[in-house]
PDB file of N, CA and C in Angstrom:
ATOM      1  N   MET A   1      27.942 -51.038 -11.826  1.00  0.00           N
ATOM      2  CA  MET A   1      28.932 -51.182 -10.889  1.00  0.00           C
ATOM      3  C   MET A   1      28.571 -51.354  -9.506  1.00  0.00           C
ATOM      4  N   GLY A   2      28.826 -52.370  -8.794  1.00  0.00           N
ATOM      5  CA  GLY A   2      28.407 -52.508  -7.343  1.00  0.00           C
ATOM      6  C   GLY A   2      29.635 -51.847  -6.109  1.00  0.00           C
ATOM      7  N   LEU A   3      29.150 -51.315  -5.516  1.00  0.00           N
ATOM      8  CA  LEU A   3      30.265 -50.938  -4.164  1.00  0.00           C
ATOM      9  C   LEU A   3      30.578 -52.297  -3.361  1.00  0.00           C
ATOM     10  N   ASP A   4      31.850 -52.493  -3.483  1.00  0.00           N
ATOM     11  CA  ASP A   4      32.492 -53.441  -2.552  1.00  0.00           C
ATOM     12  C   ASP A   4      32.726 -53.214  -1.116  1.00  0.00           C
ATOM     13  N   TYR A   5      31.885 -53.415  -0.368  1.00  0.00           N
ATOM     14  CA  TYR A   5      31.909 -52.950   0.918  1.00  0.00           C
ATOM     15  C   TYR A   5      33.130 -53.719   2.154  1.00  0.00           C
ATOM     16  N   ARG A   6      33.532 -54.997   1.436  1.00  0.00           N
ATOM     17  CA  ARG A   6      34.994 -55.348   2.206  1.00  0.00           C
ATOM     18  C   ARG A   6      35.949 -54.163   1.794  1.00  0.00           C
ATOM     19  N   GLN A   7      36.152 -53.832   0.330  1.00  0.00           N
ATOM     20  CA  GLN A   7      37.260 -52.919   0.334  1.00  0.00           C
ATOM     21  C   GLN A   7      37.249 -51.759   0.746  1.00  0.00           C
ATOM     22  N   LEU A   8      35.871 -51.129   1.049  1.00  0.00           N
ATOM     23  CA  LEU A   8      35.833 -49.927   1.565  1.00  0.00           C
ATOM     24  C   LEU A   8      36.435 -49.881   2.877  1.00  0.00           C
ATOM     25  N   GLY A   9      35.841 -51.387   3.695  1.00  0.00           N
ATOM     26  CA  GLY A   9      36.352 -51.457   4.876  1.00  0.00           C
ATOM     27  C   GLY A   9      37.805 -51.409   5.314  1.00  0.00           C
ATOM     28  N   GLN A  10      38.318 -52.066   4.195  1.00  0.00           N
ATOM     29  CA  GLN A  10      40.115 -52.266   4.145  1.00  0.00           C
ATOM     30  C   GLN A  10      40.577 -51.203   3.905  1.00  0.00           C
ATOM     31  N   ARG A  11      40.085 -50.269   2.856  1.00  0.00           N
ATOM     32  CA  ARG A  11      40.440 -48.775   2.946  1.00  0.00           C
ATOM     33  C   ARG A  11      40.640 -47.951   4.151  1.00  0.00           C
ATOM     34  N   ILE A  12      39.226 -48.245   5.101  1.00  0.00           N
ATOM     35  CA  ILE A  12      39.313 -47.443   6.173  1.00  0.00           C
ATOM     36  C   ILE A  12      40.427 -47.764   7.149  1.00  0.00           C
ATOM     37  N   ALA A  13      40.605 -49.161   7.489  1.00  0.00           N
ATOM     38  CA  ALA A  13      41.468 -49.749   8.318  1.00  0.00           C
ATOM     39  C   ALA A  13      42.816 -49.372   7.982  1.00  0.00           C
ATOM     40  N   ALA A  14      43.081 -49.537   6.559  1.00  0.00           N
ATOM     41  CA  ALA A  14      44.344 -49.132   6.047  1.00  0.00           C
ATOM     42  C   ALA A  14      44.923 -47.726   6.728  1.00  0.00           C
ATOM     43  N   ARG A  15      43.795 -46.753   6.295  1.00  0.00           N
ATOM     44  CA  ARG A  15      44.026 -45.572   6.608  1.00  0.00           C
ATOM     45  C   ARG A  15      44.145 -45.251   8.124  1.00  0.00           C
ATOM     46  N   ARG A  16      43.425 -45.805   8.933  1.00  0.00           N
ATOM     47  CA  ARG A  16      43.433 -45.673  10.099  1.00  0.00           C
ATOM     48  C   ARG A  16      45.038 -45.943  10.720  1.00  0.00           C
ATOM     49  N   LYS A  17      45.290 -47.177  10.224  1.00  0.00           N
ATOM     50  CA  LYS A  17      46.654 -47.985  10.731  1.00  0.00           C
ATOM     51  C   LYS A  17      47.704 -46.675  10.196  1.00  0.00           C
ATOM     52  N   ALA A  18      47.630 -46.256   9.178  1.00  0.00           N
ATOM     53  CA  ALA A  18      48.471 -45.346   8.318  1.00  0.00           C
ATOM     54  C   ALA A  18      48.651 -44.148   9.160  1.00  0.00           C
ATOM     55  N   LEU A  19      47.521 -43.634  10.048  1.00  0.00           N
ATOM     56  CA  LEU A  19      47.723 -42.568  10.952  1.00  0.00           C
ATOM     57  C   LEU A  19      48.039 -42.821  12.264  1.00  0.00           C
ATOM     58  N   GLY A  20      48.221 -44.219  12.491  1.00  0.00           N
ATOM     59  CA  GLY A  20      48.443 -44.467  13.875  1.00  0.00           C
ATOM     60  C   GLY A  20      47.449 -44.547  14.817  1.00  0.00           C
ATOM     61  N   LEU A  21      46.145 -44.577  14.294  1.00  0.00           N
ATOM     62  CA  LEU A  21      45.052 -44.785  15.247  1.00  0.00           C
ATOM     63  C   LEU A  21      44.577 -46.029  15.537  1.00  0.00           C
ATOM     64  N   ARG A  22      44.170 -45.949  16.856  1.00  0.00           N
ATOM     65  CA  ARG A  22      43.228 -47.131  17.194  1.00  0.00           C
ATOM     66  C   ARG A  22      41.869 -47.000  16.765  1.00  0.00           C
ATOM     67  N   GLN A  23      41.129 -48.386  16.879  1.00  0.00           N
ATOM     68  CA  GLN A  23      39.708 -48.049  16.442  1.00  0.00           C
ATOM     69  C   GLN A  23      38.997 -47.252  17.245  1.00  0.00           C
ATOM     70  N   ALA A  24      39.332 -47.656  18.734  1.00  0.00           N
ATOM     71  CA  ALA A  24      38.633 -46.555  19.525  1.00  0.00           C
ATOM     72  C   ALA A  24      38.765 -45.249  19.297  1.00  0.00           C
ATOM     73  N   GLN A  25      40.001 -44.771  19.113  1.00  0.00           N
ATOM     74  CA  GLN A  25      40.213 -43.224  18.716  1.00  0.00           C
ATOM     75  C   GLN A  25      39.244 -42.899  17.717  1.00  0.00           C
ATOM     76  N   VAL A  26      39.307 -43.647  16.597  1.00  0.00           N
ATOM     77  CA  VAL A  26      38.205 -43.171  15.460  1.00  0.00           C
ATOM     78  C   VAL A  26      36.942 -43.195  15.626  1.00  0.00           C
ATOM     79  N   CYS A  27      36.469 -44.258  16.381  1.00  0.00           N
ATOM     80  CA  CYS A  27      34.949 -44.193  17.068  1.00  0.00           C
ATOM     81  C   CYS A  27      34.839 -43.132  17.762  1.00  0.00           C
ATOM     82  N   GLU A  28      35.774 -42.625  18.703  1.00  0.00           N
ATOM     83  CA  GLU A  28      35.627 -41.524  19.468  1.00  0.00           C
ATOM     84  C   GLU A  28      35.311 -40.126  18.726  1.00  0.00           C
ATOM     85  N   ARG A  29      36.147 -40.260  17.446  1.00  0.00           N
ATOM     86  CA  ARG A  29      36.218 -38.722  16.726  1.00  0.00           C
ATOM     87  C   ARG A  29      34.589 -38.823  16.031  1.00  0.00           C
ATOM     88  N   CYS A  30      34.063 -39.941  15.596  1.00  0.00           N
ATOM     89  CA  CYS A  30      33.093 -40.314  14.806  1.00  0.00           C
ATOM     90  C   CYS A  30      31.490 -40.263  15.538  1.00  0.00           C
ATOM     91  N   ASP A  31      31.695 -40.569  16.807  1.00  0.00           N
ATOM     92  CA  ASP A  31      30.739 -40.843  17.837  1.00  0.00           C
ATOM     93  C   ASP A  31      29.967 -42.139  17.398  1.00  0.00           C
ATOM     94  N   ILE A  32      30.628 -43.301  17.096  1.00  0.00           N
ATOM     95  CA  ILE A  32      30.219 -44.581  16.865  1.00  0.00           C
ATOM     96  C   ILE A  32      30.907 -45.477  17.712  1.00  0.00           C
ATOM     97  N   ASN A  33      30.282 -46.744  17.820  1.00  0.00           N
ATOM     98  CA  ASN A  33      30.658 -47.728  18.625  1.00  0.00           C
ATOM     99  C   ASN A  33      31.650 -48.477  18.175  1.00  0.00           C
ATOM    100  N   ASN A  34      32.615 -49.146  19.022  1.00  0.00           N
ATOM    101  CA  ASN A  34      33.606 -49.877  18.361  1.00  0.00           C
ATOM    102  C   ASN A  34      33.214 -51.103  17.691  1.00  0.00           C
ATOM    103  N   ASN A  35      32.287 -51.768  18.018  1.00  0.00           N
ATOM    104  CA  ASN A  35      31.710 -52.939  17.092  1.00  0.00           C
ATOM    105  C   ASN A  35      31.272 -52.507  15.787  1.00  0.00           C
ATOM    106  N   TYR A  36      30.658 -51.171  15.615  1.00  0.00           N
ATOM    107  CA  TYR A  36      30.149 -50.849  14.368  1.00  0.00           C
ATOM    108  C   TYR A  36      31.459 -50.373  13.559  1.00  0.00           C
ATOM    109  N   LEU A  37      32.220 -49.857  14.009  1.00  0.00           N
ATOM    110  CA  LEU A  37      33.574 -49.727  13.191  1.00  0.00           C
ATOM    111  C   LEU A  37      34.070 -50.969  12.893  1.00  0.00           C
ATOM    112  N   SER A  38      34.564 -51.974  13.819  1.00  0.00           N
ATOM    113  CA  SER A  38      34.895 -53.174  13.276  1.00  0.00           C
ATOM    114  C   SER A  38      34.042 -54.050  12.227  1.00  0.00           C
ATOM    115  N   ASN A  39      32.850 -53.740  12.489  1.00  0.00           N
ATOM    116  CA  ASN A  39      32.125 -54.367  11.475  1.00  0.00           C
ATOM    117  C   ASN A  39      32.302 -53.510   9.834  1.00  0.00           C
ATOM    118  N   ILE A  40      32.279 -52.392   9.892  1.00  0.00           N
ATOM    119  CA  ILE A  40      32.234 -51.630   8.600  1.00  0.00           C
ATOM    120  C   ILE A  40      34.066 -52.051   8.059  1.00  0.00           C
ATOM    121  N   GLU A  41      34.959 -52.227   9.043  1.00  0.00           N
ATOM    122  CA  GLU A  41      36.432 -52.429   8.385  1.00  0.00           C
ATOM    123  C   GLU A  41      36.153 -54.005   7.981  1.00  0.00           C
ATOM    124  N   ARG A  42      35.333 -54.805   8.387  1.00  0.00           N
ATOM    125  CA  ARG A  42      35.408 -56.302   7.967  1.00  0.00           C
ATOM    126  C   ARG A  42      34.642 -56.228   6.749  1.00  0.00           C
ATOM    127  N   GLY A  43      33.772 -55.116   6.480  1.00  0.00           N
ATOM    128  CA  GLY A  43      32.539 -55.266   5.352  1.00  0.00           C
ATOM    129  C   GLY A  43      31.297 -56.034   5.873  1.00  0.00           C
ATOM    130  N   LYS A  44      31.303 -56.387   7.120  1.00  0.00           N
ATOM    131  CA  LYS A  44      30.105 -56.615   7.654  1.00  0.00           C
ATOM    132  C   LYS A  44      28.693 -55.721   7.887  1.00  0.00           C
ATOM    133  N   SER A  45      28.882 -54.333   7.912  1.00  0.00           N
ATOM    134  CA  SER A  45      27.998 -53.392   8.227  1.00  0.00           C
ATOM    135  C   SER A  45      28.343 -52.502   6.944  1.00  0.00           C
ATOM    136  N   ILE A  46      27.480 -51.695   6.618  1.00  0.00           N
ATOM    137  CA  ILE A  46      27.090 -50.941   5.721  1.00  0.00           C
ATOM    138  C   ILE A  46      26.987 -49.568   6.604  1.00  0.00           C
ATOM    139  N   PRO A  47      28.017 -48.282   6.437  1.00  0.00           N
ATOM    140  CA  PRO A  47      27.994 -47.186   6.819  1.00  0.00           C
ATOM    141  C   PRO A  47      26.680 -46.363   6.357  1.00  0.00           C
ATOM    142  N   SER A  48      26.189 -45.616   7.199  1.00  0.00           N
ATOM    143  CA  SER A  48      25.336 -44.490   6.499  1.00  0.00           C
ATOM    144  C   SER A  48      25.945 -43.542   5.849  1.00  0.00           C
ATOM    145  N   LEU A  49      25.319 -42.525   5.339  1.00  0.00           N
ATOM    146  CA  LEU A  49      26.224 -41.668   4.575  1.00  0.00           C
ATOM    147  C   LEU A  49      26.633 -40.786   5.543  1.00  0.00           C
ATOM    148  N   GLU A  50      25.951 -40.259   6.389  1.00  0.00           N
ATOM    149  CA  GLU A  50      26.333 -39.477   7.808  1.00  0.00           C
ATOM    150  C   GLU A  50      27.654 -40.080   8.246  1.00  0.00           C
ATOM    151  N   VAL A  51      27.650 -41.276   8.703  1.00  0.00           N
ATOM    152  CA  VAL A  51      28.824 -42.026   9.429  1.00  0.00           C
ATOM    153  C   VAL A  51      29.982 -41.680   8.393  1.00  0.00           C
ATOM    154  N   LEU A  52      29.797 -42.230   6.999  1.00  0.00           N
ATOM    155  CA  LEU A  52      30.943 -42.414   6.312  1.00  0.00           C
ATOM    156  C   LEU A  52      31.556 -40.879   5.981  1.00  0.00           C
ATOM    157  N   MET A  53      30.804 -40.012   6.251  1.00  0.00           N
ATOM    158  CA  MET A  53      31.402 -38.456   6.007  1.00  0.00           C
ATOM    159  C   MET A  53      32.228 -38.208   7.248  1.00  0.00           C
ATOM    160  N   ARG A  54      31.655 -38.897   8.478  1.00  0.00           N
ATOM    161  CA  ARG A  54      32.420 -38.540   9.856  1.00  0.00           C
ATOM    162  C   ARG A  54      33.699 -39.178   9.960  1.00  0.00           C
ATOM    163  N   VAL A  55      33.688 -40.896   9.123  1.00  0.00           N
ATOM    164  CA  VAL A  55      34.876 -41.373   9.165  1.00  0.00           C
ATOM    165  C   VAL A  55      35.862 -40.613   8.271  1.00  0.00           C
ATOM    166  N   CYS A  56      35.519 -40.328   7.380  1.00  0.00           N
ATOM    167  CA  CYS A  56      36.100 -39.298   6.072  1.00  0.00           C
ATOM    168  C   CYS A  56      36.981 -38.366   7.084  1.00  0.00           C
ATOM    169  N   GLU A  57      36.322 -37.660   7.808  1.00  0.00           N
ATOM    170  CA  GLU A  57      36.648 -36.345   8.429  1.00  0.00           C
ATOM    171  C   GLU A  57      37.487 -37.006   9.586  1.00  0.00           C
ATOM    172  N   ALA A  58      37.395 -37.999  10.115  1.00  0.00           N
ATOM    173  CA  ALA A  58      38.321 -38.504  11.274  1.00  0.00           C
ATOM    174  C   ALA A  58      39.821 -38.837  10.741  1.00  0.00           C
ATOM    175  N   LEU A  59      39.587 -39.630   9.504  1.00  0.00           N
ATOM    176  CA  LEU A  59      40.731 -39.928   8.745  1.00  0.00           C
ATOM    177  C   LEU A  59      41.200 -39.263   7.690  1.00  0.00           C
ATOM    178  N   GLU A  60      40.988 -37.843   7.499  1.00  0.00           N
ATOM    179  CA  GLU A  60      41.532 -36.786   6.705  1.00  0.00           C
ATOM    180  C   GLU A  60      41.558 -37.447   5.453  1.00  0.00           C
ATOM    181  N   VAL A  61      40.391 -38.089   4.755  1.00  0.00           N
ATOM    182  CA  VAL A  61      40.445 -38.681   3.437  1.00  0.00           C
ATOM    183  C   VAL A  61      38.825 -38.101   2.879  1.00  0.00           C
ATOM    184  N   THR A  62      39.035 -38.182   1.436  1.00  0.00           N
ATOM    185  CA  THR A  62      37.889 -38.036   0.656  1.00  0.00           C
ATOM    186  C   THR A  62      37.014 -39.390   0.503  1.00  0.00           C
ATOM    187  N   PRO A  63      35.563 -38.952   0.381  1.00  0.00           N
ATOM    188  CA  PRO A  63      34.976 -39.968   0.127  1.00  0.00           C
ATOM    189  C   PRO A  63      35.052 -41.026  -1.205  1.00  0.00           C
ATOM    190  N   ASP A  64      35.724 -40.005  -2.116  1.00  0.00           N
ATOM    191  CA  ASP A  64      35.874 -40.978  -3.272  1.00  0.00           C
ATOM    192  C   ASP A  64      36.989 -42.083  -3.098  1.00  0.00           C
ATOM    193  N   TYR A  65      38.030 -41.558  -1.949  1.00  0.00           N
ATOM    194  CA  TYR A  65      39.352 -42.549  -1.935  1.00  0.00           C
ATOM    195  C   TYR A  65      38.606 -43.726  -0.990  1.00  0.00           C
ATOM    196  N   LEU A  66      37.884 -43.816   0.210  1.00  0.00           N
ATOM    197  CA  LEU A  66      37.214 -44.657   0.953  1.00  0.00           C
ATOM    198  C   LEU A  66      36.315 -45.529  -0.290  1.00  0.00           C
ATOM    199  N   LEU A  67      35.515 -44.803  -0.750  1.00  0.00           N
ATOM    200  CA  LEU A  67      34.643 -45.753  -1.740  1.00  0.00           C
ATOM    201  C   LEU A  67      34.928 -46.443  -2.760  1.00  0.00           C
ATOM    202  N   LEU A  68      36.058 -45.705  -3.645  1.00  0.00           N
ATOM    203  CA  LEU A  68      36.746 -46.317  -4.819  1.00  0.00           C
ATOM    204  C   LEU A  68      37.995 -46.328  -4.967  1.00  0.00           C
ATOM    205  N   GLY A  69      38.737 -45.940  -3.769  1.00  0.00           N
ATOM    206  CA  GLY A  69      40.181 -45.926  -3.894  1.00  0.00           C
ATOM    207  C   GLY A  69      40.939 -45.132  -4.733  1.00  0.00           C
ATOM    208  N   THR A  70      40.144 -43.987  -5.231  1.00  0.00           N
ATOM    209  CA  THR A  70      40.814 -42.887  -5.852  1.00  0.00           C
ATOM    210  C   THR A  70      41.800 -41.956  -5.403  1.00  0.00           C
ATOM    211  N   ARG A  71      42.701 -41.814  -5.925  1.00  0.00           N
ATOM    212  CA  ARG A  71      43.561 -40.505  -5.552  1.00  0.00           C
ATOM    213  C   ARG A  71      43.106 -39.265  -5.809  1.00  0.00           C
ATOM    214  N   ARG A  72      43.576 -38.449  -5.085  1.00  0.00           N
ATOM    215  CA  ARG A  72      43.372 -36.812  -5.243  1.00  0.00           C
ATOM    216  C   ARG A  72      44.038 -36.484  -6.357  1.00  0.00           C
ATOM    217  N   LYS A  73      43.814 -35.227  -7.085  1.00  0.00           N
ATOM    218  CA  LYS A  73      44.348 -34.890  -8.474  1.00  0.00           C
ATOM    219  C   LYS A  73      45.917 -34.540  -8.009  1.00  0.00           C
ATOM    220  N   GLU A  74      46.248 -34.093  -6.712  1.00  0.00           N
ATOM    221  CA  GLU A  74      47.594 -33.584  -6.317  1.00  0.00           C
ATOM    222  C   GLU A  74      48.385 -34.853  -6.368  1.00  0.00           C
ATOM    223  N   ASP A  75      47.660 -35.984  -5.594  1.00  0.00           N
ATOM    224  CA  ASP A  75      48.461 -37.434  -5.486  1.00  0.00           C
ATOM    225  C   ASP A  75      49.157 -37.823  -6.820  1.00  0.00           C
ATOM    226  N   TRP A  76      48.109 -37.753  -7.916  1.00  0.00           N
ATOM    227  CA  TRP A  76      48.343 -38.214  -8.975  1.00  0.00           C
ATOM    228  C   TRP A  76      49.465 -37.747  -9.933  1.00  0.00           C
ATOM    229  N   GLU A  77      49.492 -36.000  -9.609  1.00  0.00           N
ATOM    230  CA  GLU A  77      50.435 -35.417 -10.056  1.00  0.00           C
ATOM    231  C   GLU A  77      51.950 -35.589  -9.430  1.00  0.00           C
ATOM    232  N   GLN A  78      51.820 -35.863  -8.178  1.00  0.00           N
ATOM    233  CA  GLN A  78      53.260 -36.451  -7.712  1.00  0.00           C
ATOM    234  C   GLN A  78      53.854 -37.720  -8.326  1.00  0.00           C
ATOM    235  N   VAL A  79      52.616 -38.808  -8.508  1.00  0.00           N
ATOM    236  CA  VAL A  79      52.999 -39.976  -8.906  1.00  0.00           C
ATOM    237  C   VAL A  79      53.517 -39.937 -10.208  1.00  0.00           C
ATOM    238  N   GLN A  80      53.180 -38.861 -10.980  1.00  0.00           N
ATOM    239  CA  GLN A  80      53.394 -38.748 -12.449  1.00  0.00           C
ATOM    240  C   GLN A  80      54.915 -38.182 -12.367  1.00  0.00           C
ATOM    241  N   LEU A  81      55.232 -37.254 -11.566  1.00  0.00           N
ATOM    242  CA  LEU A  81      56.741 -36.767 -11.268  1.00  0.00           C
ATOM    243  C   LEU A  81      57.534 -37.802 -10.860  1.00  0.00           C
ATOM    244  N   VAL A  82      57.448 -38.638 -10.063  1.00  0.00           N
ATOM    245  CA  VAL A  82      58.051 -39.765  -9.758  1.00  0.00           C
ATOM    246  C   VAL A  82      58.179 -40.773 -10.758  1.00  0.00           C
ATOM    247  N   ALA A  83      57.215 -40.942 -11.539  1.00  0.00           N
ATOM    248  CA  ALA A  83      57.591 -41.824 -12.694  1.00  0.00           C
ATOM    249  C   ALA A  83      58.664 -41.210 -13.640  1.00  0.00           C
ATOM    250  N   GLU A  84      58.089 -40.020 -13.775  1.00  0.00           N
ATOM    251  CA  GLU A  84      59.299 -39.150 -14.936  1.00  0.00           C
ATOM    252  C   GLU A  84      60.516 -39.108 -14.404  1.00  0.00           C
ATOM    253  N   ARG A  85      60.942 -39.249 -13.144  1.00  0.00           N
ATOM    254  CA  ARG A  85      62.269 -39.610 -12.585  1.00  0.00           C
ATOM    255  C   ARG A  85      62.832 -40.784 -12.777  1.00  0.00           C
ATOM    256  N   LEU A  86      61.905 -41.888 -13.066  1.00  0.00           N
ATOM    257  CA  LEU A  86      62.418 -43.056 -13.240  1.00  0.00           C
ATOM    258  C   LEU A  86      62.706 -43.845 -14.729  1.00  0.00           C
ATOM    259  N   GLN A  87      62.250 -42.458 -15.482  1.00  0.00           N
ATOM    260  CA  GLN A  87      62.388 -43.017 -17.050  1.00  0.00           C
ATOM    261  C   GLN A  87      63.887 -42.479 -17.224  1.00  0.00           C
ATOM    262  N   GLY A  88      64.739 -43.440 -18.000  1.00  0.00           N
ATOM    263  CA  GLY A  88      66.136 -43.224 -18.216  1.00  0.00           C
ATOM    264  C   GLY A  88      67.046 -43.769 -17.310  1.00  0.00           C
ATOM    265  N   MET A  89      66.254 -44.360 -16.446  1.00  0.00           N
ATOM    266  CA  MET A  89      67.295 -45.109 -15.240  1.00  0.00           C
ATOM    267  C   MET A  89      67.594 -46.284 -15.554  1.00  0.00           C
ATOM    268  N   SER A  90      69.432 -46.703 -15.268  1.00  0.00           N
ATOM    269  CA  SER A  90      69.549 -48.225 -15.630  1.00  0.00           C
ATOM    270  C   SER A  90      68.392 -49.251 -14.974  1.00  0.00           C
ATOM    271  N   ARG A  91      68.756 -50.684 -15.706  1.00  0.00           N
ATOM    272  CA  ARG A  91      67.759 -51.497 -14.864  1.00  0.00           C
ATOM    273  C   ARG A  91      68.272 -51.806 -13.182  1.00  0.00           C
ATOM    274  N   GLU A  92      69.549 -51.582 -12.846  1.00  0.00           N
ATOM    275  CA  GLU A  92      70.144 -51.383 -11.389  1.00  0.00           C
ATOM    276  C   GLU A  92      69.607 -50.610 -10.735  1.00  0.00           C
ATOM    277  N   GLN A  93      69.523 -49.319 -11.237  1.00  0.00           N
ATOM    278  CA  GLN A  93      68.869 -47.877 -10.523  1.00  0.00           C
ATOM    279  C   GLN A  93      67.216 -48.405 -10.484  1.00  0.00           C
ATOM    280  N   LEU A  94      66.817 -49.032 -11.407  1.00  0.00           N
ATOM    281  CA  LEU A  94      65.359 -49.199 -11.108  1.00  0.00           C
ATOM    282  C   LEU A  94      65.095 -50.263 -10.217  1.00  0.00           C
ATOM    283  N   GLU A  95      65.722 -51.181 -10.235  1.00  0.00           N
ATOM    284  CA  GLU A  95      65.757 -52.185  -9.146  1.00  0.00           C
ATOM    285  C   GLU A  95      65.833 -51.746  -7.580  1.00  0.00           C
ATOM    286  N   LEU A  96      67.005 -50.827  -7.872  1.00  0.00           N
ATOM    287  CA  LEU A  96      67.096 -49.950  -6.119  1.00  0.00           C
ATOM    288  C   LEU A  96      65.977 -49.107  -6.090  1.00  0.00           C
ATOM    289  N   ALA A  97      65.639 -48.422  -6.629  1.00  0.00           N
ATOM    290  CA  ALA A  97      63.968 -47.532  -6.759  1.00  0.00           C
ATOM    291  C   ALA A  97      63.099 -48.544  -6.058  1.00  0.00           C
ATOM    292  N   ASP A  98      62.964 -49.759  -6.705  1.00  0.00           N
ATOM    293  CA  ASP A  98      61.806 -50.585  -6.417  1.00  0.00           C
ATOM    294  C   ASP A  98      61.757 -50.901  -4.781  1.00  0.00           C
ATOM    295  N   SER A  99      62.825 -51.325  -4.644  1.00  0.00           N
ATOM    296  CA  SER A  99      63.337 -51.758  -3.232  1.00  0.00           C
ATOM    297  C   SER A  99      63.142 -50.797  -2.090  1.00  0.00           C
ATOM    298  N   PHE A 100      63.437 -49.638  -2.565  1.00  0.00           N
ATOM    299  CA  PHE A 100      63.260 -48.287  -1.756  1.00  0.00           C
ATOM    300  C   PHE A 100      61.825 -48.208  -1.835  1.00  0.00           C
ATOM    301  N   LEU A 101      60.852 -48.047  -2.672  1.00  0.00           N
ATOM    302  CA  LEU A 101      59.508 -47.869  -2.727  1.00  0.00           C
ATOM    303  C   LEU A 101      59.033 -49.071  -2.093  1.00  0.00           C
ATOM    304  N   CYS A 102      59.241 -50.082  -2.109  1.00  0.00           N
ATOM    305  CA  CYS A 102      58.738 -51.428  -1.372  1.00  0.00           C
ATOM    306  C   CYS A 102      59.172 -51.116   0.411  1.00  0.00           C
ATOM    307  N   TRP A 103      60.260 -50.866   0.405  1.00  0.00           N
ATOM    308  CA  TRP A 103      60.550 -50.357   1.966  1.00  0.00           C
ATOM    309  C   TRP A 103      59.746 -49.453   2.391  1.00  0.00           C
ATOM    310  N   LEU A 104      59.591 -48.442   1.605  1.00  0.00           N
ATOM    311  CA  LEU A 104      58.565 -47.057   2.196  1.00  0.00           C
ATOM    312  C   LEU A 104      57.049 -47.663   2.296  1.00  0.00           C
ATOM    313  N   GLN A 105      56.859 -48.612   1.406  1.00  0.00           N
ATOM    314  CA  GLN A 105      55.474 -48.970   1.552  1.00  0.00           C
ATOM    315  C   GLN A 105      55.009 -49.993   2.827  1.00  0.00           C
ATOM    316  N   GLU A 106      56.203 -50.808   3.022  1.00  0.00           N
ATOM    317  CA  GLU A 106      56.081 -51.569   4.297  1.00  0.00           C
ATOM    318  C   GLU A 106      55.902 -50.947   5.608  1.00  0.00           C
ATOM    319  N   ARG A 107      56.695 -49.619   5.490  1.00  0.00           N
ATOM    320  CA  ARG A 107      56.652 -48.797   6.854  1.00  0.00           C
ATOM    321  C   ARG A 107      55.366 -47.825   6.952  1.00  0.00           C
ATOM    322  N   GLY A 108      54.376 -48.192   6.175  1.00  0.00           N
ATOM    323  CA  GLY A 108      53.094 -47.528   6.048  1.00  0.00           C
ATOM    324  C   GLY A 108      53.173 -46.032   6.084  1.00  0.00           C
TER     325      GLY A 108
END
């Protein structure tokens, strides 16, 4: 299993944007320069373990999320609760729920 650095960078960029942060703000928190973060986000540079840990702290995520895209246990429990609520809904209700979830996702 090889690590996909492009996906790592995409997860960093997505999380940064979800928090409403500019690259410069993350760089300041991590004590790295803008070009380096930009290259990491585009999969052009591979961050050291130390830099990765600083990025995790700045973005309030765990390393496994950035490296592998995994969610925390608490997140999966919430996903399961939502899935349980969807069971037994009519087709129309499911379509409405799906539309609402898409809307939420787009809002970041």
